[in-house]
Amino acid sequence: WDQDDDLHSLTTIEGDVTINGDVQAINYMNADKGPEVVIKGGTITGKVQKATHDGSTGTKPAEPTADTSTITVSGGTFKNPIDDALIVPGFGLNKNEDGSYGIHEHKLEAVAAKDPTCTEAGNKAYWECSECHELFLDEAMTQPTTREYVTIAATGHQHVTHVEAKDATETETGNLEYWYCADCGRYFSDAALSQETTLAELT
């Protein structure tokens, strides 16, 4: 690269290379277009971050605040987690069994919308990665979301009818006292709706 921004550096890390230390994209010249680092493989034991040089010739560490530098990650193994902003769209971060971190390509499975019931939660339609279980509202993975956001809480028993006990006669059946939920069609023998029963048992 040069101060006139006619050129900029491009570094690609891939294959079986191991870097024992940090990987930084540092804009030494404060140019409009800083260096570009592309990580497709390898093992990196330090941090991966963008940085701006302070302009001195000493040993003062650079501050990771550069917006002009570029780092894109679509593979590799890392001792430290990678900032989501550096990971190529369509890829995600996973934690390996040995405590290191890896990058995988998302494998999406569609989950259909489901209405909640009185006792069971429902959900909005979403897509879930079978590798890392990250959720998205769209198949293009431009709208990441959370389990809490897509979950629709159970409605509870909203339309409940209380039926008084009635003695049987010679010509008519009777019934025990019960509560009936019109939403789910279930019968209960207590007002708290905690003891489910059947119409046959109540008759």
N, C-alpha and C. Protein backbone atom coordinates (compact mmCIF):
# COMPACT_ATOMS: atom_id res chain seq x y z
N TRP A 1 0.84 -1.18 0.00
CA TRP A 1 0.00 0.00 0.00
C TRP A 1 0.88 1.23 0.00
N ASP A 2 0.31 2.41 -0.28
CA ASP A 2 1.07 3.65 -0.15
C ASP A 2 0.16 4.75 0.36
N GLN A 3 0.73 5.87 0.65
CA GLN A 3 -0.03 6.95 1.26
C GLN A 3 -1.08 7.52 0.31
N ASP A 4 -0.89 7.34 -0.99
CA ASP A 4 -1.86 7.85 -1.96
C ASP A 4 -3.00 6.87 -2.20
N ASP A 5 -2.98 5.74 -1.51
CA ASP A 5 -4.05 4.75 -1.60
C ASP A 5 -4.14 4.14 -3.00
N ASP A 6 -3.02 4.16 -3.74
CA ASP A 6 -3.02 3.51 -5.04
C ASP A 6 -2.96 2.00 -4.89
N LEU A 7 -2.35 1.54 -3.82
CA LEU A 7 -2.19 0.12 -3.58
C LEU A 7 -2.57 -0.18 -2.14
N HIS A 8 -2.93 -1.42 -1.87
CA HIS A 8 -3.12 -1.84 -0.49
C HIS A 8 -2.73 -3.29 -0.37
N SER A 9 -2.40 -3.69 0.84
CA SER A 9 -1.90 -5.05 1.03
C SER A 9 -3.05 -6.05 1.12
N LEU A 10 -2.82 -7.24 0.61
CA LEU A 10 -3.78 -8.34 0.71
C LEU A 10 -3.04 -9.57 1.20
N THR A 11 -3.46 -10.08 2.34
CA THR A 11 -2.84 -11.27 2.92
C THR A 11 -3.90 -12.35 3.06
N THR A 12 -3.61 -13.54 2.53
CA THR A 12 -4.52 -14.67 2.65
C THR A 12 -3.88 -15.75 3.51
N ILE A 13 -4.62 -16.22 4.51
CA ILE A 13 -4.15 -17.29 5.39
C ILE A 13 -5.01 -18.52 5.12
N GLU A 14 -4.39 -19.61 4.72
CA GLU A 14 -5.13 -20.84 4.44
C GLU A 14 -4.20 -22.04 4.56
N GLY A 15 -4.76 -23.22 4.41
CA GLY A 15 -3.93 -24.43 4.48
C GLY A 15 -3.61 -24.82 5.92
N ASP A 16 -2.45 -25.45 6.12
CA ASP A 16 -2.06 -25.99 7.43
C ASP A 16 -1.14 -25.05 8.21
N VAL A 17 -1.03 -23.80 7.79
CA VAL A 17 -0.14 -22.86 8.46
C VAL A 17 -0.60 -22.60 9.90
N THR A 18 0.35 -22.42 10.81
CA THR A 18 0.05 -22.08 12.20
C THR A 18 0.69 -20.73 12.53
N ILE A 19 -0.08 -19.82 13.07
CA ILE A 19 0.42 -18.51 13.48
C ILE A 19 0.33 -18.42 14.99
N ASN A 20 1.48 -18.42 15.64
CA ASN A 20 1.52 -18.34 17.10
C ASN A 20 1.56 -16.87 17.51
N GLY A 21 0.44 -16.25 17.55
CA GLY A 21 0.35 -14.83 17.89
C GLY A 21 -0.90 -14.22 17.30
N ASP A 22 -0.98 -12.88 17.39
CA ASP A 22 -2.14 -12.16 16.89
C ASP A 22 -2.08 -11.96 15.39
N VAL A 23 -3.25 -11.81 14.80
CA VAL A 23 -3.36 -11.38 13.41
C VAL A 23 -4.11 -10.05 13.43
N GLN A 24 -3.43 -8.99 12.98
CA GLN A 24 -4.03 -7.67 12.96
C GLN A 24 -3.94 -7.08 11.55
N ALA A 25 -5.00 -6.41 11.14
CA ALA A 25 -4.97 -5.61 9.92
C ALA A 25 -4.76 -4.17 10.37
N ILE A 26 -3.53 -3.67 10.24
CA ILE A 26 -3.17 -2.36 10.78
C ILE A 26 -2.98 -1.35 9.65
N ASN A 27 -3.70 -0.27 9.72
CA ASN A 27 -3.60 0.80 8.73
C ASN A 27 -2.48 1.76 9.17
N TYR A 28 -1.25 1.43 8.81
CA TYR A 28 -0.12 2.24 9.25
C TYR A 28 -0.17 3.66 8.68
N MET A 29 -0.59 3.81 7.45
CA MET A 29 -0.53 5.10 6.77
C MET A 29 -1.80 5.93 6.94
N ASN A 30 -2.78 5.41 7.67
CA ASN A 30 -4.08 6.06 7.80
C ASN A 30 -4.67 6.37 6.42
N ALA A 31 -4.46 5.46 5.48
CA ALA A 31 -4.98 5.63 4.13
C ALA A 31 -6.48 5.37 4.10
N ASP A 32 -7.11 5.83 3.02
CA ASP A 32 -8.56 5.62 2.90
C ASP A 32 -8.91 4.14 2.81
N LYS A 33 -7.99 3.37 2.26
CA LYS A 33 -8.21 1.93 2.13
C LYS A 33 -7.07 1.21 2.81
N GLY A 34 -7.36 0.56 3.92
CA GLY A 34 -6.33 -0.12 4.68
C GLY A 34 -6.07 -1.52 4.17
N PRO A 35 -5.27 -2.29 4.89
CA PRO A 35 -4.93 -3.65 4.46
C PRO A 35 -6.12 -4.59 4.56
N GLU A 36 -6.05 -5.66 3.79
CA GLU A 36 -7.11 -6.67 3.77
C GLU A 36 -6.51 -8.03 4.13
N VAL A 37 -7.11 -8.69 5.11
CA VAL A 37 -6.67 -10.02 5.53
C VAL A 37 -7.82 -10.99 5.30
N VAL A 38 -7.56 -12.05 4.55
CA VAL A 38 -8.56 -13.08 4.25
C VAL A 38 -8.11 -14.37 4.93
N ILE A 39 -8.92 -14.88 5.84
CA ILE A 39 -8.58 -16.10 6.58
C ILE A 39 -9.52 -17.22 6.12
N LYS A 40 -8.94 -18.22 5.46
CA LYS A 40 -9.71 -19.36 4.95
C LYS A 40 -9.32 -20.67 5.63
N GLY A 41 -8.26 -20.65 6.43
CA GLY A 41 -7.79 -21.87 7.08
C GLY A 41 -6.67 -21.54 8.03
N GLY A 42 -5.90 -22.57 8.40
CA GLY A 42 -4.80 -22.38 9.31
C GLY A 42 -5.23 -22.37 10.76
N THR A 43 -4.24 -22.24 11.66
CA THR A 43 -4.48 -22.19 13.09
C THR A 43 -3.86 -20.91 13.63
N ILE A 44 -4.64 -20.13 14.38
CA ILE A 44 -4.18 -18.86 14.93
C ILE A 44 -4.36 -18.90 16.44
N THR A 45 -3.25 -18.74 17.18
CA THR A 45 -3.31 -18.85 18.64
C THR A 45 -3.66 -17.54 19.33
N GLY A 46 -3.46 -16.41 18.64
CA GLY A 46 -3.74 -15.10 19.25
C GLY A 46 -5.09 -14.56 18.83
N LYS A 47 -5.23 -13.25 18.96
CA LYS A 47 -6.47 -12.58 18.61
C LYS A 47 -6.46 -12.19 17.13
N VAL A 48 -7.65 -12.04 16.59
CA VAL A 48 -7.82 -11.56 15.22
C VAL A 48 -8.60 -10.26 15.31
N GLN A 49 -7.98 -9.14 14.84
CA GLN A 49 -8.64 -7.86 14.99
C GLN A 49 -8.09 -6.83 14.02
N LYS A 50 -8.92 -5.82 13.74
CA LYS A 50 -8.47 -4.67 12.98
C LYS A 50 -7.85 -3.66 13.94
N ALA A 51 -6.91 -2.84 13.43
CA ALA A 51 -6.24 -1.89 14.32
C ALA A 51 -5.76 -0.68 13.55
N THR A 52 -5.53 0.40 14.28
CA THR A 52 -4.96 1.62 13.73
C THR A 52 -3.64 1.90 14.43
N HIS A 53 -2.57 2.08 13.67
CA HIS A 53 -1.28 2.40 14.26
C HIS A 53 -1.30 3.82 14.81
N ASP A 54 -0.64 4.03 15.93
CA ASP A 54 -0.68 5.34 16.57
C ASP A 54 0.27 6.34 15.93
N GLY A 55 1.02 5.93 14.91
CA GLY A 55 1.91 6.84 14.21
C GLY A 55 3.30 6.96 14.80
N SER A 56 3.53 6.35 15.95
CA SER A 56 4.85 6.44 16.57
C SER A 56 5.75 5.32 16.07
N THR A 57 7.01 5.41 16.37
CA THR A 57 7.97 4.36 16.00
C THR A 57 8.33 3.50 17.21
N GLY A 58 7.66 3.75 18.31
CA GLY A 58 7.97 2.99 19.53
C GLY A 58 7.23 1.68 19.59
N THR A 59 7.07 1.18 20.80
CA THR A 59 6.44 -0.14 20.98
C THR A 59 5.02 -0.03 21.52
N LYS A 60 4.47 1.19 21.51
CA LYS A 60 3.10 1.36 21.98
C LYS A 60 2.15 0.52 21.14
N PRO A 61 1.31 -0.30 21.75
CA PRO A 61 0.44 -1.18 20.96
C PRO A 61 -0.60 -0.39 20.17
N ALA A 62 -0.97 -0.93 19.04
CA ALA A 62 -2.00 -0.30 18.21
C ALA A 62 -3.37 -0.48 18.85
N GLU A 63 -4.27 0.46 18.58
CA GLU A 63 -5.62 0.38 19.10
C GLU A 63 -6.54 -0.25 18.04
N PRO A 64 -7.36 -1.23 18.43
CA PRO A 64 -8.23 -1.91 17.45
C PRO A 64 -9.47 -1.10 17.10
N THR A 65 -9.27 0.04 16.42
CA THR A 65 -10.39 0.92 16.11
C THR A 65 -10.50 1.24 14.63
N ALA A 66 -9.70 0.63 13.76
CA ALA A 66 -9.69 1.00 12.35
C ALA A 66 -10.94 0.53 11.64
N ASP A 67 -11.55 1.45 10.89
CA ASP A 67 -12.70 1.10 10.06
C ASP A 67 -12.29 0.85 8.62
N THR A 68 -11.09 1.28 8.24
CA THR A 68 -10.67 1.14 6.85
C THR A 68 -10.04 -0.21 6.57
N SER A 69 -9.55 -0.88 7.59
CA SER A 69 -8.96 -2.20 7.39
C SER A 69 -10.06 -3.25 7.22
N THR A 70 -9.72 -4.36 6.59
CA THR A 70 -10.71 -5.40 6.31
C THR A 70 -10.17 -6.76 6.73
N ILE A 71 -10.97 -7.51 7.47
CA ILE A 71 -10.67 -8.91 7.80
C ILE A 71 -11.92 -9.73 7.49
N THR A 72 -11.76 -10.79 6.70
CA THR A 72 -12.88 -11.69 6.44
C THR A 72 -12.45 -13.11 6.80
N VAL A 73 -13.31 -13.82 7.53
CA VAL A 73 -12.98 -15.15 8.02
C VAL A 73 -14.03 -16.14 7.51
N SER A 74 -13.56 -17.18 6.82
CA SER A 74 -14.48 -18.23 6.35
C SER A 74 -13.92 -19.62 6.63
N GLY A 75 -12.92 -19.71 7.48
CA GLY A 75 -12.32 -20.99 7.83
C GLY A 75 -11.23 -20.78 8.86
N GLY A 76 -10.65 -21.89 9.31
CA GLY A 76 -9.56 -21.81 10.26
C GLY A 76 -9.93 -22.30 11.64
N THR A 77 -8.90 -22.41 12.50
CA THR A 77 -9.06 -22.81 13.89
C THR A 77 -8.42 -21.73 14.76
N PHE A 78 -9.09 -21.36 15.85
CA PHE A 78 -8.66 -20.21 16.64
C PHE A 78 -8.71 -20.54 18.14
N LYS A 79 -7.74 -20.01 18.87
CA LYS A 79 -7.74 -20.19 20.32
C LYS A 79 -8.78 -19.29 20.96
N ASN A 80 -9.02 -18.12 20.36
CA ASN A 80 -9.97 -17.15 20.88
C ASN A 80 -11.17 -17.02 19.94
N PRO A 81 -12.35 -16.68 20.47
CA PRO A 81 -13.51 -16.50 19.59
C PRO A 81 -13.30 -15.35 18.62
N ILE A 82 -13.99 -15.41 17.49
CA ILE A 82 -13.88 -14.41 16.44
C ILE A 82 -15.09 -13.48 16.50
N ASP A 83 -14.83 -12.19 16.34
CA ASP A 83 -15.91 -11.21 16.28
C ASP A 83 -16.85 -11.56 15.12
N ASP A 84 -18.16 -11.60 15.41
CA ASP A 84 -19.14 -11.96 14.37
C ASP A 84 -19.03 -11.05 13.15
N ALA A 85 -18.63 -9.79 13.36
CA ALA A 85 -18.56 -8.84 12.26
C ALA A 85 -17.48 -9.21 11.25
N LEU A 86 -16.53 -10.06 11.63
CA LEU A 86 -15.44 -10.45 10.74
C LEU A 86 -15.76 -11.71 9.95
N ILE A 87 -16.78 -12.44 10.36
CA ILE A 87 -17.10 -13.72 9.73
C ILE A 87 -17.92 -13.49 8.47
N VAL A 88 -17.55 -14.17 7.39
CA VAL A 88 -18.23 -14.03 6.11
C VAL A 88 -19.70 -14.44 6.25
N PRO A 89 -20.64 -13.67 5.69
CA PRO A 89 -22.06 -14.07 5.73
C PRO A 89 -22.25 -15.48 5.21
N GLY A 90 -23.09 -16.25 5.90
CA GLY A 90 -23.31 -17.64 5.52
C GLY A 90 -22.45 -18.60 6.31
N PHE A 91 -21.53 -18.07 7.13
CA PHE A 91 -20.66 -18.89 7.97
C PHE A 91 -20.89 -18.53 9.44
N GLY A 92 -20.55 -19.45 10.33
CA GLY A 92 -20.74 -19.21 11.75
C GLY A 92 -19.59 -19.76 12.57
N LEU A 93 -19.55 -19.35 13.83
CA LEU A 93 -18.50 -19.77 14.76
C LEU A 93 -19.00 -20.96 15.58
N ASN A 94 -18.14 -21.97 15.75
CA ASN A 94 -18.49 -23.10 16.61
C ASN A 94 -17.34 -23.38 17.57
N LYS A 95 -17.66 -23.92 18.72
CA LYS A 95 -16.64 -24.27 19.70
C LYS A 95 -16.34 -25.76 19.60
N ASN A 96 -15.06 -26.09 19.45
CA ASN A 96 -14.64 -27.48 19.29
C ASN A 96 -14.50 -28.16 20.65
N GLU A 97 -14.43 -29.47 20.65
CA GLU A 97 -14.35 -30.23 21.89
C GLU A 97 -13.09 -29.92 22.68
N ASP A 98 -12.01 -29.52 21.99
CA ASP A 98 -10.76 -29.21 22.70
C ASP A 98 -10.71 -27.78 23.23
N GLY A 99 -11.80 -27.02 23.10
CA GLY A 99 -11.86 -25.67 23.60
C GLY A 99 -11.51 -24.61 22.57
N SER A 100 -11.01 -25.03 21.42
CA SER A 100 -10.71 -24.07 20.36
C SER A 100 -11.99 -23.72 19.62
N TYR A 101 -11.88 -22.77 18.69
CA TYR A 101 -13.02 -22.33 17.91
C TYR A 101 -12.78 -22.60 16.43
N GLY A 102 -13.83 -22.94 15.73
CA GLY A 102 -13.74 -23.20 14.30
C GLY A 102 -14.81 -22.43 13.55
N ILE A 103 -14.71 -22.46 12.25
CA ILE A 103 -15.68 -21.79 11.38
C ILE A 103 -16.36 -22.85 10.51
N HIS A 104 -17.66 -22.78 10.41
CA HIS A 104 -18.39 -23.73 9.57
C HIS A 104 -19.35 -22.97 8.67
N GLU A 105 -19.70 -23.58 7.56
CA GLU A 105 -20.73 -23.01 6.69
C GLU A 105 -22.09 -23.43 7.22
N HIS A 106 -22.99 -22.46 7.38
CA HIS A 106 -24.31 -22.75 7.92
C HIS A 106 -25.06 -23.76 7.05
N LYS A 107 -25.69 -24.74 7.70
CA LYS A 107 -26.57 -25.69 7.03
C LYS A 107 -27.97 -25.48 7.61
N LEU A 108 -28.82 -24.84 6.83
CA LEU A 108 -30.11 -24.40 7.35
C LEU A 108 -31.21 -25.44 7.20
N GLU A 109 -32.04 -25.50 8.23
CA GLU A 109 -33.25 -26.31 8.21
C GLU A 109 -34.43 -25.40 8.51
N ALA A 110 -35.45 -25.45 7.66
CA ALA A 110 -36.63 -24.60 7.84
C ALA A 110 -37.51 -25.15 8.96
N VAL A 111 -38.00 -24.26 9.81
CA VAL A 111 -38.93 -24.63 10.87
C VAL A 111 -40.23 -23.85 10.62
N ALA A 112 -41.31 -24.56 10.39
CA ALA A 112 -42.58 -23.93 10.05
C ALA A 112 -43.19 -23.23 11.26
N ALA A 113 -43.98 -22.22 10.99
CA ALA A 113 -44.70 -21.52 12.06
C ALA A 113 -45.71 -22.47 12.72
N LYS A 114 -45.90 -22.29 14.01
CA LYS A 114 -46.85 -23.14 14.75
C LYS A 114 -47.59 -22.27 15.76
N ASP A 115 -48.91 -22.39 15.74
CA ASP A 115 -49.72 -21.62 16.69
C ASP A 115 -49.57 -22.19 18.10
N PRO A 116 -49.57 -21.33 19.09
CA PRO A 116 -49.53 -21.84 20.47
C PRO A 116 -50.87 -22.43 20.86
N THR A 117 -50.86 -23.28 21.85
CA THR A 117 -52.09 -23.82 22.42
C THR A 117 -52.21 -23.32 23.86
N CYS A 118 -53.21 -23.82 24.54
CA CYS A 118 -53.40 -23.41 25.93
C CYS A 118 -52.18 -23.75 26.80
N THR A 119 -51.56 -24.89 26.51
CA THR A 119 -50.48 -25.37 27.37
C THR A 119 -49.12 -25.48 26.68
N GLU A 120 -49.08 -25.34 25.36
CA GLU A 120 -47.81 -25.49 24.64
C GLU A 120 -47.48 -24.23 23.86
N ALA A 121 -46.20 -23.85 23.90
CA ALA A 121 -45.75 -22.67 23.17
C ALA A 121 -45.75 -22.94 21.67
N GLY A 122 -45.93 -21.90 20.89
CA GLY A 122 -45.82 -21.98 19.44
C GLY A 122 -44.57 -21.25 18.99
N ASN A 123 -44.46 -21.01 17.70
CA ASN A 123 -43.29 -20.29 17.19
C ASN A 123 -43.58 -19.65 15.85
N LYS A 124 -42.80 -18.59 15.55
CA LYS A 124 -42.80 -17.99 14.22
C LYS A 124 -41.99 -18.88 13.30
N ALA A 125 -42.13 -18.71 12.00
CA ALA A 125 -41.31 -19.44 11.05
C ALA A 125 -39.87 -18.94 11.13
N TYR A 126 -38.92 -19.86 11.07
CA TYR A 126 -37.51 -19.48 11.10
C TYR A 126 -36.66 -20.58 10.49
N TRP A 127 -35.39 -20.27 10.31
CA TRP A 127 -34.41 -21.23 9.80
C TRP A 127 -33.36 -21.43 10.87
N GLU A 128 -32.92 -22.67 11.06
CA GLU A 128 -31.94 -22.99 12.10
C GLU A 128 -30.76 -23.76 11.50
N CYS A 129 -29.55 -23.35 11.87
CA CYS A 129 -28.35 -24.06 11.42
C CYS A 129 -28.20 -25.34 12.23
N SER A 130 -28.09 -26.47 11.54
CA SER A 130 -27.96 -27.75 12.23
C SER A 130 -26.59 -27.93 12.87
N GLU A 131 -25.62 -27.08 12.50
CA GLU A 131 -24.27 -27.18 13.06
C GLU A 131 -24.15 -26.42 14.38
N CYS A 132 -24.56 -25.15 14.37
CA CYS A 132 -24.37 -24.30 15.56
C CYS A 132 -25.68 -23.87 16.20
N HIS A 133 -26.81 -24.19 15.57
CA HIS A 133 -28.15 -23.87 16.06
C HIS A 133 -28.42 -22.37 16.11
N GLU A 134 -27.69 -21.60 15.32
CA GLU A 134 -28.00 -20.18 15.17
C GLU A 134 -29.29 -20.06 14.37
N LEU A 135 -30.10 -19.05 14.71
CA LEU A 135 -31.42 -18.90 14.09
C LEU A 135 -31.46 -17.67 13.20
N PHE A 136 -32.26 -17.78 12.12
CA PHE A 136 -32.45 -16.67 11.18
C PHE A 136 -33.92 -16.58 10.81
N LEU A 137 -34.38 -15.36 10.56
CA LEU A 137 -35.77 -15.16 10.14
C LEU A 137 -35.94 -15.37 8.65
N ASP A 138 -34.83 -15.37 7.90
CA ASP A 138 -34.91 -15.53 6.46
C ASP A 138 -33.86 -16.53 5.99
N GLU A 139 -34.16 -17.18 4.88
CA GLU A 139 -33.26 -18.20 4.36
C GLU A 139 -31.94 -17.61 3.86
N ALA A 140 -31.95 -16.33 3.51
CA ALA A 140 -30.73 -15.67 3.04
C ALA A 140 -29.79 -15.32 4.20
N MET A 141 -30.24 -15.54 5.43
CA MET A 141 -29.43 -15.33 6.65
C MET A 141 -29.04 -13.87 6.85
N THR A 142 -29.90 -12.97 6.42
CA THR A 142 -29.62 -11.55 6.64
C THR A 142 -30.26 -11.04 7.92
N GLN A 143 -31.12 -11.87 8.55
CA GLN A 143 -31.82 -11.45 9.77
C GLN A 143 -31.62 -12.48 10.88
N PRO A 144 -30.49 -12.44 11.56
CA PRO A 144 -30.30 -13.35 12.70
C PRO A 144 -31.30 -13.05 13.80
N THR A 145 -31.68 -14.06 14.54
CA THR A 145 -32.68 -13.87 15.58
C THR A 145 -32.35 -14.76 16.77
N THR A 146 -33.23 -14.80 17.73
CA THR A 146 -33.01 -15.58 18.95
C THR A 146 -34.18 -16.53 19.18
N ARG A 147 -33.95 -17.53 20.01
CA ARG A 147 -35.00 -18.48 20.36
C ARG A 147 -36.15 -17.76 21.07
N GLU A 148 -35.80 -16.79 21.90
CA GLU A 148 -36.83 -16.05 22.64
C GLU A 148 -37.74 -15.27 21.69
N TYR A 149 -37.14 -14.69 20.63
CA TYR A 149 -37.93 -13.87 19.70
C TYR A 149 -38.91 -14.72 18.90
N VAL A 150 -38.50 -15.89 18.46
CA VAL A 150 -39.38 -16.69 17.60
C VAL A 150 -40.40 -17.50 18.40
N THR A 151 -40.21 -17.59 19.72
CA THR A 151 -41.13 -18.38 20.54
C THR A 151 -42.38 -17.57 20.88
N ILE A 152 -43.54 -18.18 20.73
CA ILE A 152 -44.82 -17.57 21.10
C ILE A 152 -45.33 -18.31 22.33
N ALA A 153 -45.54 -17.60 23.39
CA ALA A 153 -45.91 -18.22 24.66
C ALA A 153 -47.28 -18.90 24.56
N ALA A 154 -47.43 -19.96 25.37
CA ALA A 154 -48.73 -20.63 25.46
C ALA A 154 -49.80 -19.62 25.90
N THR A 155 -50.99 -19.78 25.39
CA THR A 155 -52.05 -18.80 25.64
C THR A 155 -52.69 -18.94 27.02
N GLY A 156 -52.61 -20.14 27.60
CA GLY A 156 -53.36 -20.39 28.83
C GLY A 156 -54.82 -20.67 28.49
N HIS A 157 -55.54 -21.20 29.43
CA HIS A 157 -56.96 -21.53 29.22
C HIS A 157 -57.78 -20.25 29.36
N GLN A 158 -58.19 -19.68 28.23
CA GLN A 158 -58.84 -18.36 28.26
C GLN A 158 -60.36 -18.42 28.32
N HIS A 159 -60.96 -19.45 27.74
CA HIS A 159 -62.43 -19.53 27.70
C HIS A 159 -62.89 -20.78 28.44
N VAL A 160 -63.07 -20.61 29.74
CA VAL A 160 -63.38 -21.74 30.63
C VAL A 160 -64.81 -21.62 31.16
N THR A 161 -65.53 -22.71 31.08
CA THR A 161 -66.90 -22.76 31.60
C THR A 161 -66.95 -23.63 32.85
N HIS A 162 -67.57 -23.10 33.91
CA HIS A 162 -67.74 -23.88 35.14
C HIS A 162 -69.11 -24.56 35.11
N VAL A 163 -69.15 -25.87 35.29
CA VAL A 163 -70.40 -26.64 35.28
C VAL A 163 -70.62 -27.22 36.68
N GLU A 164 -71.74 -26.84 37.26
CA GLU A 164 -72.07 -27.31 38.61
C GLU A 164 -72.40 -28.81 38.59
N ALA A 165 -72.22 -29.43 39.73
CA ALA A 165 -72.60 -30.85 39.87
C ALA A 165 -74.12 -30.99 39.73
N LYS A 166 -74.54 -32.12 39.17
CA LYS A 166 -75.97 -32.38 38.98
C LYS A 166 -76.25 -33.84 39.26
N ASP A 167 -77.24 -34.06 40.08
CA ASP A 167 -77.60 -35.45 40.41
C ASP A 167 -78.29 -36.12 39.23
N ALA A 168 -78.03 -37.39 39.11
CA ALA A 168 -78.72 -38.16 38.06
C ALA A 168 -80.14 -38.47 38.49
N THR A 169 -80.99 -38.62 37.51
CA THR A 169 -82.38 -39.02 37.78
C THR A 169 -82.64 -40.35 37.08
N GLU A 170 -83.88 -40.81 37.13
CA GLU A 170 -84.20 -42.07 36.47
C GLU A 170 -84.09 -41.94 34.94
N THR A 171 -84.21 -40.72 34.44
CA THR A 171 -84.22 -40.54 32.99
C THR A 171 -83.06 -39.71 32.45
N GLU A 172 -82.35 -39.01 33.33
CA GLU A 172 -81.27 -38.14 32.88
C GLU A 172 -79.98 -38.44 33.64
N THR A 173 -78.90 -38.42 32.93
CA THR A 173 -77.59 -38.61 33.59
C THR A 173 -77.23 -37.35 34.35
N GLY A 174 -76.40 -37.52 35.34
CA GLY A 174 -75.89 -36.39 36.10
C GLY A 174 -74.40 -36.23 35.84
N ASN A 175 -73.80 -35.35 36.61
CA ASN A 175 -72.35 -35.14 36.44
C ASN A 175 -71.73 -34.57 37.70
N LEU A 176 -70.46 -34.80 37.85
CA LEU A 176 -69.69 -34.15 38.91
C LEU A 176 -69.41 -32.71 38.51
N GLU A 177 -69.02 -31.89 39.48
CA GLU A 177 -68.63 -30.52 39.17
C GLU A 177 -67.35 -30.54 38.31
N TYR A 178 -67.30 -29.68 37.30
CA TYR A 178 -66.09 -29.64 36.47
C TYR A 178 -65.95 -28.28 35.78
N TRP A 179 -64.78 -28.10 35.18
CA TRP A 179 -64.46 -26.90 34.40
C TRP A 179 -64.03 -27.36 33.00
N TYR A 180 -64.57 -26.68 31.99
CA TYR A 180 -64.30 -27.07 30.61
C TYR A 180 -63.67 -25.91 29.84
N CYS A 181 -62.55 -26.17 29.16
CA CYS A 181 -61.88 -25.16 28.34
C CYS A 181 -62.33 -25.32 26.89
N ALA A 182 -62.99 -24.30 26.36
CA ALA A 182 -63.47 -24.36 24.98
C ALA A 182 -62.33 -24.24 23.97
N ASP A 183 -61.20 -23.69 24.38
CA ASP A 183 -60.08 -23.51 23.45
C ASP A 183 -59.42 -24.83 23.09
N CYS A 184 -59.23 -25.69 24.09
CA CYS A 184 -58.52 -26.95 23.83
C CYS A 184 -59.41 -28.18 24.02
N GLY A 185 -60.67 -27.97 24.48
CA GLY A 185 -61.59 -29.08 24.62
C GLY A 185 -61.24 -30.02 25.75
N ARG A 186 -60.58 -29.53 26.80
CA ARG A 186 -60.17 -30.40 27.91
C ARG A 186 -61.03 -30.11 29.15
N TYR A 187 -61.17 -31.15 29.98
CA TYR A 187 -61.99 -31.09 31.19
C TYR A 187 -61.08 -31.14 32.41
N PHE A 188 -61.51 -30.42 33.47
CA PHE A 188 -60.74 -30.37 34.71
C PHE A 188 -61.69 -30.50 35.90
N SER A 189 -61.20 -31.11 36.94
CA SER A 189 -62.03 -31.32 38.13
C SER A 189 -61.78 -30.27 39.21
N ASP A 190 -60.92 -29.28 38.92
CA ASP A 190 -60.65 -28.23 39.89
C ASP A 190 -60.58 -26.88 39.20
N ALA A 191 -60.85 -25.82 39.98
CA ALA A 191 -60.86 -24.46 39.43
C ALA A 191 -59.49 -24.00 38.98
N ALA A 192 -58.43 -24.56 39.54
CA ALA A 192 -57.07 -24.18 39.15
C ALA A 192 -56.67 -24.81 37.82
N LEU A 193 -57.51 -25.70 37.30
CA LEU A 193 -57.26 -26.39 36.02
C LEU A 193 -55.96 -27.19 36.05
N SER A 194 -55.72 -27.80 37.20
CA SER A 194 -54.50 -28.59 37.35
C SER A 194 -54.76 -30.09 37.33
N GLN A 195 -56.03 -30.48 37.47
CA GLN A 195 -56.38 -31.90 37.52
C GLN A 195 -57.27 -32.24 36.31
N GLU A 196 -56.62 -32.68 35.26
CA GLU A 196 -57.36 -32.99 34.03
C GLU A 196 -58.15 -34.28 34.20
N THR A 197 -59.30 -34.33 33.58
CA THR A 197 -60.14 -35.51 33.64
C THR A 197 -60.83 -35.69 32.29
N THR A 198 -61.80 -36.58 32.23
CA THR A 198 -62.53 -36.83 30.99
C THR A 198 -64.02 -36.68 31.24
N LEU A 199 -64.77 -36.48 30.18
CA LEU A 199 -66.21 -36.36 30.32
C LEU A 199 -66.81 -37.65 30.82
N ALA A 200 -66.24 -38.77 30.41
CA ALA A 200 -66.78 -40.05 30.88
C ALA A 200 -66.62 -40.19 32.39
N GLU A 201 -65.48 -39.74 32.92
CA GLU A 201 -65.27 -39.84 34.36
C GLU A 201 -66.17 -38.89 35.14
N LEU A 202 -66.58 -37.80 34.51
CA LEU A 202 -67.42 -36.81 35.16
C LEU A 202 -68.90 -37.15 35.10
N THR A 203 -69.27 -38.02 34.15
CA THR A 203 -70.69 -38.32 33.94
C THR A 203 -71.19 -39.40 34.87
